[in-house]
Structures are given as C-alpha cells and as structure tokens.
C-alpha cells in the first residue's frame, strides 16, 4: 500500500514535470527524449537480468499496434499539456480507466460491465463535464482545446490497454509490453517532432533538465518496474483500486507547485472522477 501511494504521487507529479519542461523543449520532442532515455535504461536492466524483451513473430503486429498507439498518446498528451494546466490535464487524462472498461466490454470476451462499473463511469463522466465546463475566467482561448486533446490522449491510452487485452500480448511479460511501446515511440516521436516543425530545444534550465530526467528515470523506468514487481505479488484488480489517488496528487501538485487556478466546480469534477475510478476498480 505504501509503494502504491508513492507511485500514484509520482504519476500525479508527471504532468507538472511535462508542463515545466515544455517551456524549453518542444512537446513532442520532449516525449521522444523520454522514450529514448527510458528504453535505453530498460534494455540495460533486461541485459543485466538476462531477460529477453522481444517475443515471437506472432506478437509483432500487436507490438507495432500498441507502439503506434503509445506514440499517438504521447503526442496528444504533451501537446495538450502545453495548452492547458497540469491539474486539469491529469484529471482528464485519468478518465482512461473508464474507456478501458467500456472498450473491454465491447471487444474482450468475458469482460462485461457490472452495475458498479456503470455507476463509477457515470460519476466520472459527470466529473469530466464539470471539469470541461469549469474553466477559470482568465483562461486563454487554447485551454479548452488543450482539455479536449488531453481527453483524446486518455482515449488512446485506453485503446492501447484494450489492444493488449484482446491480442496475444495478454500473455507477454509486462517488461516486453513496455519495451514495445517505448521502442516504437522512440523511433517515431523525433520524426513527428521534425514533421510538425517544432522549435526543438532552447537553452534549457536546470529545472527543465531535472523535469526531463524525472520523467525518464523515475516515471518511465523505475515506477513501471515497481509496478511490475507489485504485479508479480498481488492481483492487478487489488492494485488498480488505488489509481484514484493519481488525479488527486496531480491536482495538488498543479495548484501548489505551479500556482494553477481552481474553482469549486473543478474540485467537484476532479473528486467525481477520482471517486469513479475507485468505484470501478475497487
């Protein structure tokens, strides 16, 4: 439980780190740096343990599919957070578990929605509507677009997880699944950044470099390895009940560290999303 709480705090702070680094590094290029660094660390870790990361050819089409979805997910998330606040972005991004539940209901045999899950999804979507409608009075015109892009990022994250559930990758080691996503995105994200004509890197400060290092080492490498460790010892359903803490920590981090504005409607909406995650997963 203690490790899970720390992990949720790490994931909640991730949006703040992305927002900080966006000031000096173009969003998609920043995502590319993150994937490049994380995949290098993962390959080093696997070599040290003598663990094979690439499965048989039957896995390759699905591996490419989740890698491309992961790439699109990061393009949307990093661009979305460049337009909206970190606290709003984390709430909207963590609507993904509800799209996963709905997608699995439609695409995965045996994954049926319960009455409890429908109740949790209703709470979360009501909360999402409050968040989208509760922009601060001094918000710029791009914030609503950023909100929608973060919501689209949640859809691509959920599509990735449903693809894993519905493909041969459901039997693959978790480290291999992470490797496929990081490796494909490490190739495509820098190319997409170049294609979008991004400005690249402009005199990054130590804070910016620290934010990128945090994403690579702490989030994309160590936190995921810790999650793999937990999954070998506990049921995934038990672990996922704690995910409601992530948007809570994200909102706290955005408001306290970045001084982001919030309203009663936003706090109510964020609380409904967090409660919905708990109801669906507990």
Protein backbone atom coordinates (compact mmCIF):
# COMPACT_ATOMS: atom_id res chain seq x y z
CA UNK A 1 0.00 0.00 0.00
CA UNK A 2 2.84 2.39 0.82
CA UNK A 3 4.55 1.69 -2.51
CA UNK A 4 1.27 2.21 -4.36
CA UNK A 5 0.68 5.58 -2.72
CA UNK A 6 4.20 6.69 -3.67
CA UNK A 7 3.66 5.51 -7.25
CA UNK A 8 0.39 7.44 -7.55
CA UNK A 9 2.17 10.57 -6.27
CA UNK A 10 4.92 10.04 -8.88
CA UNK A 11 2.37 9.68 -11.69
CA UNK A 12 0.40 12.69 -10.46
CA UNK A 13 3.55 14.84 -10.49
CA UNK A 14 4.34 13.68 -14.03
CA UNK A 15 2.01 16.24 -15.62
CA UNK A 16 3.74 19.05 -13.73
CA UNK A 17 7.14 17.82 -14.97
CA UNK A 18 5.87 17.78 -18.57
CA UNK A 19 4.43 21.27 -18.18
CA UNK A 20 7.71 22.62 -16.75
CA UNK A 21 9.88 21.07 -19.48
CA UNK A 22 7.54 22.32 -22.24
CA UNK A 23 8.86 25.81 -21.52
CA UNK A 24 12.26 25.00 -23.04
CA UNK A 25 11.73 21.81 -25.08
CA UNK A 26 9.07 21.33 -27.75
CA UNK A 27 6.34 18.95 -26.53
CA UNK A 28 6.69 16.05 -28.99
CA UNK A 29 10.50 16.23 -28.97
CA UNK A 30 10.39 16.11 -25.17
CA UNK A 31 8.27 12.95 -25.39
CA UNK A 32 10.85 11.50 -27.78
CA UNK A 33 13.69 12.21 -25.34
CA UNK A 34 11.68 10.48 -22.63
CA UNK A 35 11.14 7.33 -24.70
CA UNK A 36 14.76 7.22 -25.88
CA UNK A 37 16.12 7.51 -22.35
CA UNK A 38 13.65 5.07 -20.84
CA UNK A 39 14.13 2.37 -23.49
CA UNK A 40 17.92 2.58 -23.01
CA UNK A 41 17.51 2.08 -19.26
CA UNK A 42 15.04 -0.78 -19.79
CA UNK A 43 17.39 -2.57 -22.20
CA UNK A 44 20.27 -2.18 -19.74
CA UNK A 45 18.12 -3.58 -16.92
CA UNK A 46 16.97 -6.53 -19.07
CA UNK A 47 20.55 -7.32 -20.15
CA UNK A 48 21.69 -7.29 -16.52
CA UNK A 49 18.92 -9.74 -15.61
CA UNK A 50 19.35 -11.84 -18.74
CA UNK A 51 15.73 -11.20 -19.67
CA UNK A 52 14.53 -11.37 -23.27
CA UNK A 53 12.35 -8.40 -24.23
CA UNK A 54 11.27 -9.35 -27.77
CA UNK A 55 8.74 -12.16 -28.18
CA UNK A 56 7.93 -14.37 -31.14
CA UNK A 57 6.75 -13.17 -34.52
CA UNK A 58 3.13 -13.78 -33.59
CA UNK A 59 3.44 -10.84 -31.17
CA UNK A 60 4.95 -8.39 -33.65
CA UNK A 61 1.77 -7.00 -35.30
CA UNK A 62 0.21 -6.32 -31.90
CA UNK A 63 3.52 -4.94 -30.63
CA UNK A 64 3.63 -2.45 -33.51
CA UNK A 65 -0.02 -1.52 -32.90
CA UNK A 66 0.48 -0.70 -29.22
CA UNK A 67 3.72 1.10 -30.04
CA UNK A 68 1.94 3.36 -32.53
CA UNK A 69 -0.92 3.96 -30.09
CA UNK A 70 1.61 4.81 -27.38
CA UNK A 71 3.29 7.24 -29.78
CA UNK A 72 -0.01 8.96 -30.59
CA UNK A 73 -0.85 9.02 -26.88
CA UNK A 74 2.33 10.94 -26.08
CA UNK A 75 1.91 13.34 -28.99
CA UNK A 76 -1.56 14.24 -27.71
CA UNK A 77 -0.69 14.34 -24.00
CA UNK A 78 2.41 16.50 -24.34
CA UNK A 79 0.76 18.93 -26.77
CA UNK A 80 -2.41 19.04 -24.65
CA UNK A 81 -0.44 19.92 -21.52
CA UNK A 82 1.25 22.72 -23.44
CA UNK A 83 -2.18 24.31 -23.88
CA UNK A 84 -3.99 23.55 -20.62
CA UNK A 85 -2.99 23.37 -16.96
CA UNK A 86 -1.31 20.33 -15.40
CA UNK A 87 -4.10 19.92 -12.83
CA UNK A 88 -6.83 19.90 -15.49
CA UNK A 89 -4.75 17.66 -17.76
CA UNK A 90 -4.20 14.96 -15.12
CA UNK A 91 -7.93 14.78 -14.27
CA UNK A 92 -8.97 14.46 -17.91
CA UNK A 93 -6.16 12.02 -18.74
CA UNK A 94 -7.15 9.71 -15.90
CA UNK A 95 -10.60 9.16 -17.37
CA UNK A 96 -8.81 6.40 -19.33
CA UNK A 97 -9.81 3.56 -16.94
CA UNK A 98 -13.46 4.15 -17.84
CA UNK A 99 -12.79 3.97 -21.55
CA UNK A 100 -10.82 0.76 -20.88
CA UNK A 101 -13.79 -0.76 -19.06
CA UNK A 102 -16.12 0.23 -21.89
CA UNK A 103 -13.73 -0.93 -24.62
CA UNK A 104 -13.10 -4.26 -22.91
CA UNK A 105 -16.86 -4.76 -22.58
CA UNK A 106 -17.19 -4.37 -26.36
CA UNK A 107 -14.00 -6.11 -27.57
CA UNK A 108 -12.84 -8.66 -24.98
CA UNK A 109 -14.89 -11.85 -24.36
CA UNK A 110 -15.84 -12.26 -20.72
CA UNK A 111 -15.15 -8.60 -19.82
CA UNK A 112 -18.69 -7.45 -19.04
CA UNK A 113 -19.65 -4.20 -17.35
CA UNK A 114 -21.18 -4.60 -13.91
CA UNK A 115 -23.75 -2.28 -12.36
CA UNK A 116 -20.97 -0.98 -10.10
CA UNK A 117 -18.76 -0.21 -13.09
CA UNK A 118 -21.58 1.65 -14.85
CA UNK A 119 -22.18 3.69 -11.68
CA UNK A 120 -18.49 4.58 -11.45
CA UNK A 121 -18.34 5.53 -15.12
CA UNK A 122 -21.39 7.78 -14.70
CA UNK A 123 -19.73 9.56 -11.78
CA UNK A 124 -16.52 10.03 -13.71
CA UNK A 125 -18.13 11.34 -16.88
CA UNK A 126 -20.23 13.77 -14.84
CA UNK A 127 -17.00 14.93 -13.25
CA UNK A 128 -15.40 15.29 -16.68
CA UNK A 129 -18.27 17.50 -17.82
CA UNK A 130 -17.79 19.72 -14.76
CA UNK A 131 -14.04 20.00 -15.40
CA UNK A 132 -14.53 20.86 -19.07
CA UNK A 133 -17.18 23.44 -18.25
CA UNK A 134 -15.38 24.99 -15.28
CA UNK A 135 -12.55 26.92 -16.92
CA UNK A 136 -11.21 29.88 -14.98
CA UNK A 137 -12.23 33.35 -16.09
CA UNK A 138 -8.72 34.34 -17.20
CA UNK A 139 -8.13 31.15 -19.20
CA UNK A 140 -6.80 31.70 -22.71
CA UNK A 141 -8.72 30.50 -25.74
CA UNK A 142 -6.45 27.50 -26.20
CA UNK A 143 -7.22 25.91 -22.83
CA UNK A 144 -10.42 24.20 -23.93
CA UNK A 145 -8.60 22.77 -26.96
CA UNK A 146 -5.87 21.52 -24.61
CA UNK A 147 -8.55 19.91 -22.41
CA UNK A 148 -10.02 18.08 -25.41
CA UNK A 149 -6.56 16.92 -26.55
CA UNK A 150 -5.82 15.51 -23.07
CA UNK A 151 -9.17 13.70 -23.22
CA UNK A 152 -8.19 12.31 -26.64
CA UNK A 153 -4.90 11.15 -25.08
CA UNK A 154 -6.94 9.24 -22.50
CA UNK A 155 -8.78 7.51 -25.36
CA UNK A 156 -5.51 6.41 -26.98
CA UNK A 157 -4.21 5.14 -23.62
CA UNK A 158 -7.36 3.09 -23.15
CA UNK A 159 -7.15 1.82 -26.76
CA UNK A 160 -3.63 0.62 -26.00
CA UNK A 161 -4.76 -1.34 -22.95
CA UNK A 162 -7.77 -2.84 -24.73
CA UNK A 163 -5.50 -3.90 -27.63
CA UNK A 164 -3.24 -5.69 -25.16
CA UNK A 165 -6.22 -7.44 -23.55
CA UNK A 166 -7.62 -8.55 -26.92
CA UNK A 167 -4.32 -9.70 -28.50
CA UNK A 168 -1.63 -12.36 -27.90
CA UNK A 169 0.23 -9.73 -25.85
CA UNK A 170 -2.09 -10.50 -22.95
CA UNK A 171 0.30 -13.41 -22.21
CA UNK A 172 3.52 -11.43 -22.77
CA UNK A 173 5.76 -10.29 -19.89
CA UNK A 174 5.00 -6.77 -18.72
CA UNK A 175 8.58 -5.68 -19.43
CA UNK A 176 8.19 -6.73 -23.06
CA UNK A 177 4.96 -4.78 -23.42
CA UNK A 178 6.68 -1.68 -22.03
CA UNK A 179 9.64 -2.24 -24.37
CA UNK A 180 7.42 -2.41 -27.46
CA UNK A 181 5.77 0.89 -26.56
CA UNK A 182 8.98 2.71 -25.69
CA UNK A 183 10.98 1.37 -28.65
CA UNK A 184 8.40 2.24 -31.32
CA UNK A 185 7.74 5.69 -29.84
CA UNK A 186 11.49 6.38 -29.54
CA UNK A 187 11.72 5.94 -33.33
CA UNK A 188 8.60 7.85 -34.36
CA UNK A 189 8.35 10.74 -31.88
CA UNK A 190 11.51 12.59 -33.06
CA UNK A 191 10.35 12.15 -36.67
CA UNK A 192 6.90 13.53 -35.83
CA UNK A 193 8.51 16.45 -33.99
CA UNK A 194 10.54 17.25 -37.12
CA UNK A 195 7.45 16.88 -39.33
CA UNK A 196 5.48 19.29 -37.14
CA UNK A 197 8.27 21.85 -37.45
CA UNK A 198 8.79 22.14 -33.71
CA UNK A 199 11.36 24.62 -32.42
CA UNK A 200 13.35 21.95 -30.57
CA UNK A 201 15.45 22.81 -27.52
CA UNK A 202 16.01 26.41 -26.44
CA UNK A 203 18.57 26.97 -23.65
CA UNK A 204 17.07 24.53 -21.13
CA UNK A 205 17.46 25.44 -17.46
CA UNK A 206 18.49 23.02 -14.75
CA UNK A 207 14.83 22.82 -13.74
CA UNK A 208 13.89 21.75 -17.28
CA UNK A 209 16.65 19.12 -17.39
CA UNK A 210 15.57 17.87 -13.97
CA UNK A 211 11.95 17.59 -15.15
CA UNK A 212 13.01 15.51 -18.18
CA UNK A 213 15.29 13.32 -16.03
CA UNK A 214 12.40 12.80 -13.61
CA UNK A 215 10.20 11.56 -16.44
CA UNK A 216 12.86 9.23 -17.84
CA UNK A 217 14.33 7.73 -14.68
CA UNK A 218 11.59 7.98 -12.08
CA UNK A 219 8.38 7.72 -14.14
CA UNK A 220 9.06 5.75 -17.32
CA UNK A 221 11.66 3.40 -15.81
CA UNK A 222 11.64 2.98 -12.01
CA UNK A 223 7.90 3.48 -11.39
CA UNK A 224 6.99 0.97 -14.10
CA UNK A 225 9.49 -1.57 -12.79
CA UNK A 226 7.99 -1.12 -9.33
CA UNK A 227 4.56 -1.75 -10.85
CA UNK A 228 5.85 -4.96 -12.47
CA UNK A 229 7.21 -6.03 -9.09
CA UNK A 230 3.82 -5.45 -7.46
CA UNK A 231 2.01 -7.32 -10.24
CA UNK A 232 4.09 -10.44 -9.53
CA UNK A 233 2.89 -10.43 -5.92
CA UNK A 234 -0.65 -9.05 -5.89
CA UNK A 235 -3.78 -9.19 -8.04
CA UNK A 236 -3.99 -6.40 -10.58
CA UNK A 237 -7.61 -5.68 -9.54
CA UNK A 238 -6.48 -5.01 -5.97
CA UNK A 239 -3.71 -2.68 -7.11
CA UNK A 240 -5.88 -0.69 -9.50
CA UNK A 241 -8.23 0.38 -6.71
CA UNK A 242 -5.54 2.86 -5.68
CA UNK A 243 -5.40 4.61 -9.06
CA UNK A 244 -7.96 7.19 -7.89
CA UNK A 245 -5.12 8.81 -5.92
CA UNK A 246 -3.22 9.82 -9.07
CA UNK A 247 -5.51 12.67 -10.21
CA UNK A 248 -5.76 13.79 -6.57
CA UNK A 249 -1.98 14.11 -6.32
CA UNK A 250 -1.88 15.71 -9.78
CA UNK A 251 -4.33 18.44 -8.81
CA UNK A 252 -2.45 19.13 -5.56
CA UNK A 253 0.86 19.33 -7.44
CA UNK A 254 -0.50 21.65 -10.13
CA UNK A 255 -2.10 24.03 -7.65
CA UNK A 256 0.76 24.13 -5.13
CA UNK A 257 3.82 23.94 -7.38
CA UNK A 258 2.60 25.89 -10.42
CA UNK A 259 0.02 28.11 -8.73
CA UNK A 260 -2.69 26.96 -11.14
CA UNK A 261 -6.19 28.37 -10.54
CA UNK A 262 -9.07 26.18 -9.50
CA UNK A 263 -12.76 26.60 -8.82
CA UNK A 264 -15.38 24.81 -6.76
CA UNK A 265 -16.75 23.23 -9.94
CA UNK A 266 -13.30 21.96 -10.91
CA UNK A 267 -12.67 20.44 -7.46
CA UNK A 268 -16.11 18.81 -7.53
CA UNK A 269 -15.46 17.41 -11.01
CA UNK A 270 -12.00 16.13 -10.07
CA UNK A 271 -13.46 14.49 -6.95
CA UNK A 272 -16.13 12.74 -9.03
CA UNK A 273 -13.50 11.41 -11.44
CA UNK A 274 -11.38 10.11 -8.54
CA UNK A 275 -14.41 8.55 -6.84
CA UNK A 276 -15.47 6.95 -10.13
CA UNK A 277 -12.02 5.35 -10.55
CA UNK A 278 -12.29 3.92 -7.04
CA UNK A 279 -15.81 2.58 -7.58
CA UNK A 280 -14.91 0.92 -10.90
CA UNK A 281 -11.63 -0.64 -9.69
CA UNK A 282 -12.19 -1.45 -6.04
